[in-house]
Amino acid sequence: MAEPEVPPEGLRFGTDGIRGRAGTRIVDPVVRALGLAAADLLGSNRVFLGRDTRESGPGLSRALALGLSAGGLEVVQMGVVPTPAVAHAAALEGAAAAMVTASHNPWWDNGVKLFSAGGLKLDDATQAAVQEAWDAQPVLEGSPEFDGWSDDASTDAARRWVDAVVGSVRPAALAGLSVVVDCANGATSALAGPALERLGADVTVIHSEPDGRNINDGCGSTHMADLQATVTATGADVGLAFDGDGDRVLAVGHDGRLIDGDDLLAVVGVDRHQRGVLPGSTVVVTVMANLGLRRALTDHGIAVRETAVGDRYVLEALEADGLTLGGEQSGHMIFRDLATTGDGLLTGIQALDAAVRAGCSLGDRVAELVVRAPQVLHSVPVVRDGDAVVGLVAADVARAASELGDAGRVLVRASGTEPVVRVMVEALDMERASAVADRLVEAVERADRT
């Protein structure tokens, strides 16, 4: 992948922490200042720190640890681990957590995710307070000595996370199942395969040799072609694809069919409801959820609670209503009775276990439950502020929604992590959805030039 030119600009928290070009926007002094600014606001005197496999990760982790330590926190270094592993460690010990990652972005980006005491994503008020303190924090150049830093990672914390994920289902729950796992050359590379094998699965692992620059490069949950080809070529029952930091997962059926987060949510939601372990008989989804998922859930007597896009909004709804299951189309799902944040490995294991319980493959179970409405998605790059562009096309969106009526849905929103505007259109047929989406993309591009 070629390296793009990204102009420096002020960093702001998006829907999932901060993210940007490493070495240009995400640099040691800025990250150190963030650590110092956040230290007083995380609700703990101890913080677990992890990172993914990007080549900028070690230096940025050191810088973040320096800032957190200067702010009075004890930093427990976990090294290369998935995001849910640091959140799990924090939940077990009532500590805070931080992860140096840019999730599904290319290797040249990096960023920081922060968790307050107990391993919970920052709420809006805390995030705003951290942003304010960070903006006021002077950025000091240079890289001072840091006696408290060590590259030695705490493997016990990562082991406890794997044990908890494996222990979330019956022993040997996946016995005899053939699974291909795409680790995106990311944080799950050394952990996902062995965990699935402990449950009896016959596992083939691909893209698990990180070199610092191959994370998410033509692989993982944003690039599914290699996984599809490997599943069909080997005759495997299923494939799982993680993103770079392992907090989300998508899947592939035995026939190569893509299985997204909506499909997985239907499988586990119906399974939990049938077993009587779905509080409130309710599943939390975002505004992006496909009509097919909504119908699958309601057809089985399950209510749908809708939130804005972003796993922290899903978590807020779960906490507010005493619910336990919610997620996003991207494969970012939260099992609140088992974890505090999205966990790709946990999601994959829960979905596979639910399919086994139903007596069929994951792909066949999805086909039984979900009849998807055609959905067209576009990410339109913008130079202007995304929210401003969305405001300028409000009339176009209203006209499109009126045209579709009850036979479809329209959603146009600014991304919280990238300089793009997302356009989503659902309709009863693909041709109509595509035509409406194309008009909205043109409207966004026009507004961006205004």
Protein backbone atom coordinates (compact mmCIF):
# COMPACT_ATOMS: atom_id res chain seq x y z
CA MET A 1 0.00 0.00 0.00
CA ALA A 2 1.31 3.42 -0.95
CA GLU A 3 1.79 6.05 1.72
CA PRO A 4 -0.59 9.01 1.30
CA GLU A 5 0.24 12.60 2.08
CA VAL A 6 -1.82 13.71 5.09
CA PRO A 7 -1.60 17.35 6.17
CA PRO A 8 -1.08 18.01 9.90
CA GLU A 9 -4.19 19.18 11.71
CA GLY A 10 -5.59 19.38 15.21
CA LEU A 11 -6.37 16.02 16.73
CA ARG A 12 -9.82 15.45 18.17
CA PHE A 13 -11.44 12.40 19.73
CA GLY A 14 -13.67 10.53 17.30
CA THR A 15 -16.08 7.68 18.01
CA ASP A 16 -13.20 5.44 19.03
CA GLY A 17 -10.29 7.46 20.43
CA ILE A 18 -7.78 9.38 18.32
CA ARG A 19 -6.27 8.23 15.07
CA GLY A 20 -4.02 9.67 12.36
CA ARG A 21 -0.78 9.47 10.44
CA ALA A 22 2.06 8.23 12.66
CA GLY A 23 5.12 10.49 12.50
CA THR A 24 3.07 13.40 11.17
CA ARG A 25 0.03 13.79 13.39
CA ILE A 26 0.47 10.97 15.91
CA VAL A 27 3.95 11.67 17.31
CA ASP A 28 5.68 10.96 20.62
CA PRO A 29 5.35 14.44 22.21
CA VAL A 30 1.64 14.68 21.35
CA VAL A 31 0.90 11.19 22.68
CA ARG A 32 2.95 11.89 25.82
CA ALA A 33 0.88 15.03 26.41
CA LEU A 34 -2.30 13.00 25.97
CA GLY A 35 -1.16 10.50 28.60
CA LEU A 36 -0.40 13.26 31.07
CA ALA A 37 -3.72 15.01 30.38
CA ALA A 38 -5.74 11.81 30.78
CA ALA A 39 -4.00 10.47 33.89
CA ASP A 40 -6.20 12.33 36.38
CA LEU A 41 -9.42 11.51 34.54
CA LEU A 42 -9.32 7.73 34.15
CA GLY A 43 -10.49 6.96 37.70
CA SER A 44 -7.60 4.72 38.70
CA ASN A 45 -3.98 4.88 39.83
CA ARG A 46 -3.10 1.91 37.61
CA VAL A 47 -3.37 1.48 33.84
CA PHE A 48 -2.86 -1.54 31.56
CA LEU A 49 -1.19 -0.60 28.27
CA GLY A 50 -1.19 -2.63 25.05
CA ARG A 51 -0.45 -2.06 21.38
CA ASP A 52 -0.96 -3.68 18.00
CA THR A 53 1.78 -4.66 15.55
CA ARG A 54 2.52 -1.37 13.73
CA GLU A 55 6.16 -0.35 13.54
CA SER A 56 5.31 2.94 15.26
CA GLY A 57 3.75 1.07 18.19
CA PRO A 58 6.75 0.58 20.51
CA GLY A 59 7.79 4.24 20.42
CA LEU A 60 4.28 5.59 20.83
CA SER A 61 3.57 3.13 23.65
CA ARG A 62 6.65 4.37 25.45
CA ALA A 63 5.57 7.98 24.95
CA LEU A 64 2.05 7.28 26.23
CA ALA A 65 3.44 5.38 29.22
CA LEU A 66 5.73 8.31 29.99
CA GLY A 67 2.79 10.71 30.07
CA LEU A 68 0.59 8.41 32.15
CA SER A 69 3.44 7.75 34.58
CA ALA A 70 4.22 11.46 34.88
CA GLY A 71 0.57 11.90 35.78
CA GLY A 72 1.00 9.53 38.72
CA LEU A 73 -0.25 6.24 37.27
CA GLU A 74 1.41 2.84 37.55
CA VAL A 75 1.73 1.51 34.00
CA VAL A 76 1.47 -2.25 33.38
CA GLN A 77 2.93 -3.01 29.97
CA MET A 78 1.12 -5.82 28.10
CA GLY A 79 2.96 -5.56 24.79
CA VAL A 80 1.24 -6.77 21.61
CA VAL A 81 -2.27 -7.86 22.62
CA PRO A 82 -5.79 -7.32 21.28
CA THR A 83 -7.74 -4.35 22.61
CA PRO A 84 -10.20 -6.60 24.49
CA ALA A 85 -7.28 -8.10 26.42
CA VAL A 86 -6.33 -4.76 27.97
CA ALA A 87 -9.99 -4.00 28.70
CA HIS A 88 -10.37 -7.41 30.35
CA ALA A 89 -7.31 -6.86 32.54
CA ALA A 90 -8.69 -3.48 33.59
CA ALA A 91 -12.11 -4.98 34.36
CA LEU A 92 -10.62 -7.71 36.55
CA GLU A 93 -8.58 -5.28 38.63
CA GLY A 94 -10.72 -2.15 38.55
CA ALA A 95 -7.92 -0.37 36.68
CA ALA A 96 -7.80 1.88 33.63
CA ALA A 97 -6.50 0.77 30.23
CA ALA A 98 -4.98 2.23 27.08
CA MET A 99 -4.30 0.78 23.66
CA VAL A 100 -1.97 2.14 20.99
CA THR A 101 -3.69 1.19 17.74
CA ALA A 102 -5.35 2.49 14.61
CA SER A 103 -7.65 -0.54 14.44
CA HIS A 104 -8.46 -1.40 10.80
CA ASN A 105 -6.46 1.51 9.32
CA PRO A 106 -3.27 0.97 7.26
CA TRP A 107 0.12 0.55 8.95
CA TRP A 108 1.16 4.17 8.52
CA ASP A 109 -1.61 5.33 10.86
CA ASN A 110 -1.71 4.89 14.60
CA GLY A 111 -3.74 6.15 17.51
CA VAL A 112 -4.85 5.71 21.11
CA LYS A 113 -7.94 4.18 22.71
CA LEU A 114 -8.56 4.96 26.38
CA PHE A 115 -10.60 3.04 28.95
CA SER A 116 -11.63 4.31 32.36
CA ALA A 117 -11.49 2.27 35.55
CA GLY A 118 -13.09 -1.12 35.04
CA GLY A 119 -12.23 -1.31 31.34
CA LEU A 120 -15.07 0.86 30.05
CA LYS A 121 -14.80 3.21 27.07
CA LEU A 122 -14.84 6.86 28.09
CA ASP A 123 -18.28 8.43 28.29
CA ASP A 124 -18.94 11.72 26.52
CA ALA A 125 -18.29 13.87 29.61
CA THR A 126 -14.97 12.21 30.45
CA GLN A 127 -13.84 12.27 26.84
CA ALA A 128 -14.63 15.99 26.64
CA ALA A 129 -12.68 16.59 29.86
CA VAL A 130 -9.68 14.67 28.51
CA GLN A 131 -9.86 16.64 25.26
CA GLU A 132 -9.94 19.93 27.17
CA ALA A 133 -7.00 18.95 29.39
CA TRP A 134 -5.07 17.71 26.37
CA ASP A 135 -5.66 20.91 24.42
CA ALA A 136 -4.30 22.87 27.40
CA GLN A 137 -1.31 20.58 27.91
CA PRO A 138 1.99 21.94 26.50
CA VAL A 139 3.60 19.60 23.98
CA LEU A 140 7.25 19.15 24.97
CA GLU A 141 9.70 18.23 22.25
CA GLY A 142 12.30 15.53 22.67
CA SER A 143 12.21 12.05 24.21
CA PRO A 144 13.35 12.16 27.85
CA GLU A 145 14.67 9.22 29.77
CA PHE A 146 12.03 7.06 31.37
CA ASP A 147 13.25 4.77 34.14
CA GLY A 148 9.80 3.23 34.57
CA TRP A 149 9.58 1.88 31.02
CA SER A 150 10.22 -1.74 30.11
CA ASP A 151 9.58 -3.73 26.96
CA ASP A 152 8.89 -6.79 29.11
CA ALA A 153 5.21 -7.56 28.71
CA SER A 154 2.81 -8.94 31.31
CA THR A 155 1.81 -12.29 29.77
CA ASP A 156 -0.35 -13.25 32.76
CA ALA A 157 -2.95 -10.60 31.89
CA ALA A 158 -3.16 -11.77 28.27
CA ARG A 159 -3.44 -15.41 29.39
CA ARG A 160 -6.32 -14.56 31.72
CA TRP A 161 -8.17 -12.94 28.81
CA VAL A 162 -7.72 -16.00 26.58
CA ASP A 163 -8.84 -18.27 29.42
CA ALA A 164 -11.98 -16.19 29.92
CA VAL A 165 -12.85 -16.22 26.22
CA VAL A 166 -12.30 -19.98 25.91
CA GLY A 167 -14.24 -20.53 29.14
CA SER A 168 -17.27 -18.62 27.84
CA VAL A 169 -18.54 -21.77 26.10
CA ARG A 170 -18.66 -25.48 26.88
CA PRO A 171 -15.42 -27.50 26.85
CA ALA A 172 -14.70 -28.84 23.33
CA ALA A 173 -17.66 -26.79 22.04
CA LEU A 174 -16.10 -26.57 18.56
CA ALA A 175 -14.86 -30.18 18.34
CA GLY A 176 -14.56 -31.34 14.74
CA LEU A 177 -15.15 -27.89 13.27
CA SER A 178 -12.66 -26.78 10.60
CA VAL A 179 -11.94 -23.05 10.91
CA VAL A 180 -9.72 -20.72 8.88
CA VAL A 181 -8.58 -17.65 10.81
CA ASP A 182 -7.27 -14.44 9.22
CA CYS A 183 -5.41 -12.46 11.90
CA ALA A 184 -4.77 -9.38 9.70
CA ASN A 185 -1.08 -9.59 10.72
CA GLY A 186 -2.30 -7.83 13.82
CA ALA A 187 -2.73 -8.23 17.54
CA THR A 188 -4.53 -11.60 17.42
CA SER A 189 -1.75 -13.29 15.41
CA ALA A 190 -0.27 -15.33 18.26
CA LEU A 191 -3.47 -15.91 20.23
CA ALA A 192 -6.54 -16.65 18.11
CA GLY A 193 -5.48 -19.95 16.57
CA PRO A 194 -4.41 -21.63 19.84
CA ALA A 195 -7.58 -20.42 21.58
CA LEU A 196 -9.83 -22.05 18.96
CA GLU A 197 -7.76 -25.23 19.06
CA ARG A 198 -8.37 -25.44 22.81
CA LEU A 199 -12.08 -25.76 21.99
CA GLY A 200 -11.45 -28.68 19.63
CA ALA A 201 -11.46 -26.86 16.29
CA ASP A 202 -9.14 -27.83 13.43
CA VAL A 203 -7.57 -24.44 12.72
CA THR A 204 -5.74 -23.01 9.71
CA VAL A 205 -4.24 -19.57 10.39
CA ILE A 206 -3.40 -17.05 7.65
CA HIS A 207 -1.90 -13.57 7.79
CA SER A 208 -0.32 -14.06 11.20
CA GLU A 209 3.26 -12.94 10.53
CA PRO A 210 3.36 -9.21 11.34
CA ASP A 211 6.36 -7.21 10.17
CA GLY A 212 5.22 -3.77 11.32
CA ARG A 213 3.94 -2.73 7.90
CA ASN A 214 1.64 -5.55 6.77
CA ILE A 215 -1.14 -5.07 9.33
CA ASN A 216 -4.51 -4.95 7.48
CA ASP A 217 -2.62 -5.04 4.16
CA GLY A 218 -4.93 -6.97 1.86
CA CYS A 219 -6.11 -9.07 4.76
CA GLY A 220 -8.29 -9.10 7.84
CA SER A 221 -11.87 -7.94 8.23
CA THR A 222 -11.52 -5.14 5.66
CA HIS A 223 -10.11 -7.40 2.93
CA MET A 224 -11.90 -10.75 2.93
CA ALA A 225 -10.88 -12.21 -0.45
CA ASP A 226 -7.96 -14.31 0.85
CA LEU A 227 -10.10 -15.77 3.61
CA GLN A 228 -12.89 -16.61 1.16
CA ALA A 229 -10.45 -18.32 -1.17
CA THR A 230 -8.81 -20.32 1.61
CA VAL A 231 -12.12 -21.47 3.09
CA THR A 232 -13.45 -22.73 -0.23
CA ALA A 233 -10.12 -24.22 -1.36
CA THR A 234 -9.66 -26.20 1.87
CA GLY A 235 -13.31 -27.17 2.32
CA ALA A 236 -13.39 -25.55 5.75
CA ASP A 237 -16.65 -25.10 7.64
CA VAL A 238 -16.11 -21.42 8.33
CA GLY A 239 -13.63 -18.56 8.31
CA LEU A 240 -13.09 -15.74 10.81
CA ALA A 241 -11.36 -12.44 10.00
CA PHE A 242 -10.18 -10.02 12.70
CA ASP A 243 -9.15 -6.40 12.35
CA GLY A 244 -5.74 -5.09 13.39
CA ASP A 245 -6.46 -4.74 17.11
CA GLY A 246 -8.85 -7.69 17.39
CA ASP A 247 -11.95 -5.95 18.72
CA ARG A 248 -14.11 -6.95 15.76
CA VAL A 249 -14.64 -9.96 13.53
CA LEU A 250 -16.37 -10.84 10.27
CA ALA A 251 -16.89 -14.34 8.95
CA VAL A 252 -17.09 -16.45 5.79
CA GLY A 253 -19.45 -19.38 5.30
CA HIS A 254 -18.35 -22.75 3.94
CA ASP A 255 -19.40 -21.61 0.45
CA GLY A 256 -17.39 -18.38 0.65
CA ARG A 257 -20.40 -16.21 1.47
CA LEU A 258 -19.58 -13.13 3.53
CA ILE A 259 -21.11 -12.98 7.02
CA ASP A 260 -21.10 -9.54 8.62
CA GLY A 261 -21.86 -8.26 12.09
CA ASP A 262 -25.61 -8.09 11.45
CA ASP A 263 -25.61 -11.78 10.54
CA LEU A 264 -23.57 -12.71 13.61
CA LEU A 265 -25.84 -10.64 15.84
CA ALA A 266 -28.89 -12.49 14.52
CA VAL A 267 -27.30 -15.88 15.20
CA VAL A 268 -26.23 -15.16 18.77
CA GLY A 269 -29.30 -13.06 19.57
CA VAL A 270 -31.76 -15.78 18.57
CA ASP A 271 -29.67 -18.44 20.34
CA ARG A 272 -29.61 -16.48 23.59
CA HIS A 273 -33.30 -15.70 23.39
CA GLN A 274 -34.18 -19.35 22.85
CA ARG A 275 -32.08 -20.31 25.86
CA GLY A 276 -33.71 -17.66 28.02
CA VAL A 277 -30.48 -15.73 28.60
CA LEU A 278 -31.29 -12.50 26.72
CA PRO A 279 -32.36 -9.90 29.31
CA GLY A 280 -35.32 -7.85 28.20
CA SER A 281 -35.57 -10.00 25.05
CA THR A 282 -33.78 -7.05 23.45
CA VAL A 283 -30.74 -6.57 21.22
CA VAL A 284 -29.03 -3.21 20.74
CA VAL A 285 -28.16 -2.24 17.15
CA THR A 286 -26.96 0.95 15.46
CA VAL A 287 -28.71 2.99 12.80
CA MET A 288 -26.62 1.10 10.21
CA ALA A 289 -28.23 -2.27 10.99
CA ASN A 290 -29.77 -3.94 7.95
CA LEU A 291 -33.53 -4.40 7.72
CA GLY A 292 -32.86 -8.13 7.40
CA LEU A 293 -31.40 -8.22 10.92
CA ARG A 294 -34.29 -6.20 12.33
CA ARG A 295 -36.82 -8.57 10.76
CA ALA A 296 -34.93 -11.67 11.91
CA LEU A 297 -34.95 -10.45 15.48
CA THR A 298 -38.57 -9.29 15.57
CA ASP A 299 -39.72 -12.52 13.88
CA HIS A 300 -38.27 -14.38 16.87
CA GLY A 301 -39.87 -12.11 19.47
CA ILE A 302 -36.76 -9.99 20.08
CA ALA A 303 -37.05 -6.23 20.47
CA VAL A 304 -34.58 -3.87 18.79
CA ARG A 305 -33.02 -0.88 20.59
CA GLU A 306 -31.31 1.54 18.16
CA THR A 307 -28.31 3.82 18.84
CA ALA A 308 -25.92 6.05 16.95
CA VAL A 309 -22.93 4.43 15.24
CA GLY A 310 -20.12 3.57 17.65
CA ASP A 311 -19.55 0.76 20.10
CA ARG A 312 -19.51 3.12 23.07
CA TYR A 313 -23.08 4.15 22.26
CA VAL A 314 -24.05 0.49 22.09
CA LEU A 315 -22.42 -0.03 25.49
CA GLU A 316 -24.20 3.00 26.96
CA ALA A 317 -27.56 1.58 25.86
CA LEU A 318 -26.72 -1.83 27.31
CA GLU A 319 -25.75 -0.27 30.63
CA ALA A 320 -28.75 2.05 30.77
CA ASP A 321 -31.32 -0.66 30.11
CA GLY A 322 -29.69 -3.62 31.86
CA LEU A 323 -29.16 -5.45 28.54
CA THR A 324 -26.31 -7.75 27.55
CA LEU A 325 -26.08 -8.02 23.76
CA GLY A 326 -25.48 -5.42 21.08
CA GLY A 327 -23.30 -4.70 18.10
CA GLU A 328 -22.53 -3.17 14.76
CA GLN A 329 -22.54 -4.31 11.16
CA SER A 330 -18.74 -3.96 11.19
CA GLY A 331 -18.49 -6.99 13.48
CA HIS A 332 -17.91 -4.95 16.62
CA MET A 333 -20.11 -6.72 19.18
CA ILE A 334 -20.44 -6.45 22.95
CA PHE A 335 -21.46 -9.29 25.24
CA ARG A 336 -21.92 -7.22 28.38
CA ASP A 337 -22.23 -10.24 30.65
CA LEU A 338 -18.84 -11.46 29.41
CA ALA A 339 -16.84 -8.33 28.46
CA THR A 340 -16.74 -4.54 28.67
CA THR A 341 -15.92 -3.83 25.04
CA GLY A 342 -15.96 -5.34 21.55
CA ASP A 343 -14.05 -8.62 21.33
CA GLY A 344 -13.53 -10.31 17.96
CA LEU A 345 -12.36 -13.65 19.33
CA LEU A 346 -15.18 -13.82 21.87
CA THR A 347 -17.72 -12.92 19.18
CA GLY A 348 -16.41 -15.55 16.78
CA ILE A 349 -16.49 -18.27 19.43
CA GLN A 350 -19.98 -17.31 20.63
CA ALA A 351 -21.33 -17.33 17.06
CA LEU A 352 -19.74 -20.68 16.21
CA ASP A 353 -21.06 -22.19 19.43
CA ALA A 354 -24.56 -20.90 18.66
CA ALA A 355 -24.46 -22.44 15.18
CA VAL A 356 -23.24 -25.78 16.57
CA ARG A 357 -26.07 -25.68 19.09
CA ALA A 358 -28.53 -25.17 16.20
CA GLY A 359 -27.08 -28.23 14.49
CA CYS A 360 -25.71 -26.56 11.37
CA SER A 361 -22.81 -24.55 9.99
CA LEU A 362 -22.59 -20.83 10.69
CA GLY A 363 -23.31 -20.00 7.05
CA ASP A 364 -26.40 -22.21 6.97
CA ARG A 365 -27.67 -20.76 10.25
CA VAL A 366 -27.36 -17.23 8.84
CA ALA A 367 -29.25 -18.30 5.72
CA GLU A 368 -32.04 -19.69 7.91
CA LEU A 369 -32.42 -16.51 9.91
CA VAL A 370 -31.58 -13.50 7.76
CA VAL A 371 -33.06 -12.32 4.47
CA ARG A 372 -31.08 -9.20 3.82
CA ALA A 373 -32.46 -6.06 2.25
CA PRO A 374 -30.13 -4.80 -0.49
CA GLN A 375 -27.88 -2.20 1.09
CA VAL A 376 -25.48 0.13 -0.72
CA LEU A 377 -22.67 1.73 1.27
CA HIS A 378 -20.27 4.44 0.09
CA SER A 379 -17.48 6.25 1.93
CA VAL A 380 -17.04 9.62 0.25
CA PRO A 381 -13.71 11.40 0.97
CA VAL A 382 -14.22 15.03 2.01
CA VAL A 383 -11.91 17.97 2.56
CA ARG A 384 -14.37 20.05 4.57
CA ASP A 385 -15.69 19.17 8.00
CA GLY A 386 -17.84 16.08 7.58
CA ASP A 387 -20.67 17.31 9.79
CA ALA A 388 -20.85 20.54 7.82
CA VAL A 389 -21.09 18.62 4.55
CA VAL A 390 -23.87 16.45 5.99
CA GLY A 391 -25.78 19.58 6.94
CA LEU A 392 -25.52 20.90 3.38
CA VAL A 393 -27.08 17.76 1.89
CA ALA A 394 -29.93 17.47 4.42
CA ALA A 395 -32.55 18.39 1.81
CA ASP A 396 -31.21 15.78 -0.63
CA VAL A 397 -31.36 13.14 2.12
CA ALA A 398 -34.94 14.10 3.00
CA ARG A 399 -36.02 13.81 -0.65
CA ALA A 400 -34.39 10.37 -0.95
CA ALA A 401 -36.03 9.14 2.25
CA SER A 402 -39.43 10.39 1.07
CA GLU A 403 -38.96 8.67 -2.27
CA LEU A 404 -38.24 5.30 -0.63
CA GLY A 405 -40.90 5.60 2.09
CA ASP A 406 -41.43 2.44 4.12
CA ALA A 407 -39.68 0.39 1.44
CA GLY A 408 -36.20 1.56 2.38
CA ARG A 409 -33.90 3.62 4.57
CA VAL A 410 -31.34 6.39 4.01
CA LEU A 411 -28.49 7.37 6.30
CA VAL A 412 -25.82 9.99 5.58
CA ARG A 413 -23.36 10.71 8.38
CA ALA A 414 -19.81 11.97 8.97
CA SER A 415 -17.31 9.32 10.03
CA GLY A 416 -15.96 9.68 13.54
CA THR A 417 -12.58 8.17 12.61
CA GLU A 418 -11.81 9.19 9.00
CA PRO A 419 -12.27 12.29 6.75
CA VAL A 420 -15.20 10.73 4.91
CA VAL A 421 -18.98 10.95 4.79
CA ARG A 422 -20.79 7.61 4.91
CA VAL A 423 -23.77 7.13 2.59
CA MET A 424 -26.06 4.16 3.20
CA VAL A 425 -29.20 3.32 1.25
CA GLU A 426 -31.47 0.30 1.68
CA ALA A 427 -34.31 -0.57 -0.70
CA LEU A 428 -36.28 -3.62 -1.76
CA ASP A 429 -34.13 -4.02 -4.87
CA MET A 430 -30.46 -3.32 -5.50
CA GLU A 431 -31.01 -1.24 -8.63
CA ARG A 432 -33.12 1.30 -6.81
CA ALA A 433 -30.78 1.38 -3.80
CA SER A 434 -27.78 1.98 -6.08
CA ALA A 435 -29.49 4.76 -8.01
CA VAL A 436 -30.49 6.64 -4.84
CA ALA A 437 -27.04 6.14 -3.30
CA ASP A 438 -25.30 7.45 -6.44
CA ARG A 439 -27.37 10.63 -6.33
CA LEU A 440 -26.49 11.16 -2.67
CA VAL A 441 -22.79 10.59 -3.33
CA GLU A 442 -22.92 13.27 -6.04
CA ALA A 443 -24.66 15.61 -3.61
CA VAL A 444 -21.97 15.05 -0.96
CA GLU A 445 -19.17 15.66 -3.47
CA ARG A 446 -20.90 18.83 -4.66
CA ALA A 447 -21.34 20.10 -1.11
CA ASP A 448 -17.70 19.40 -0.32
CA ARG A 449 -16.65 21.64 -3.23
CA THR A 450 -18.98 24.48 -2.22
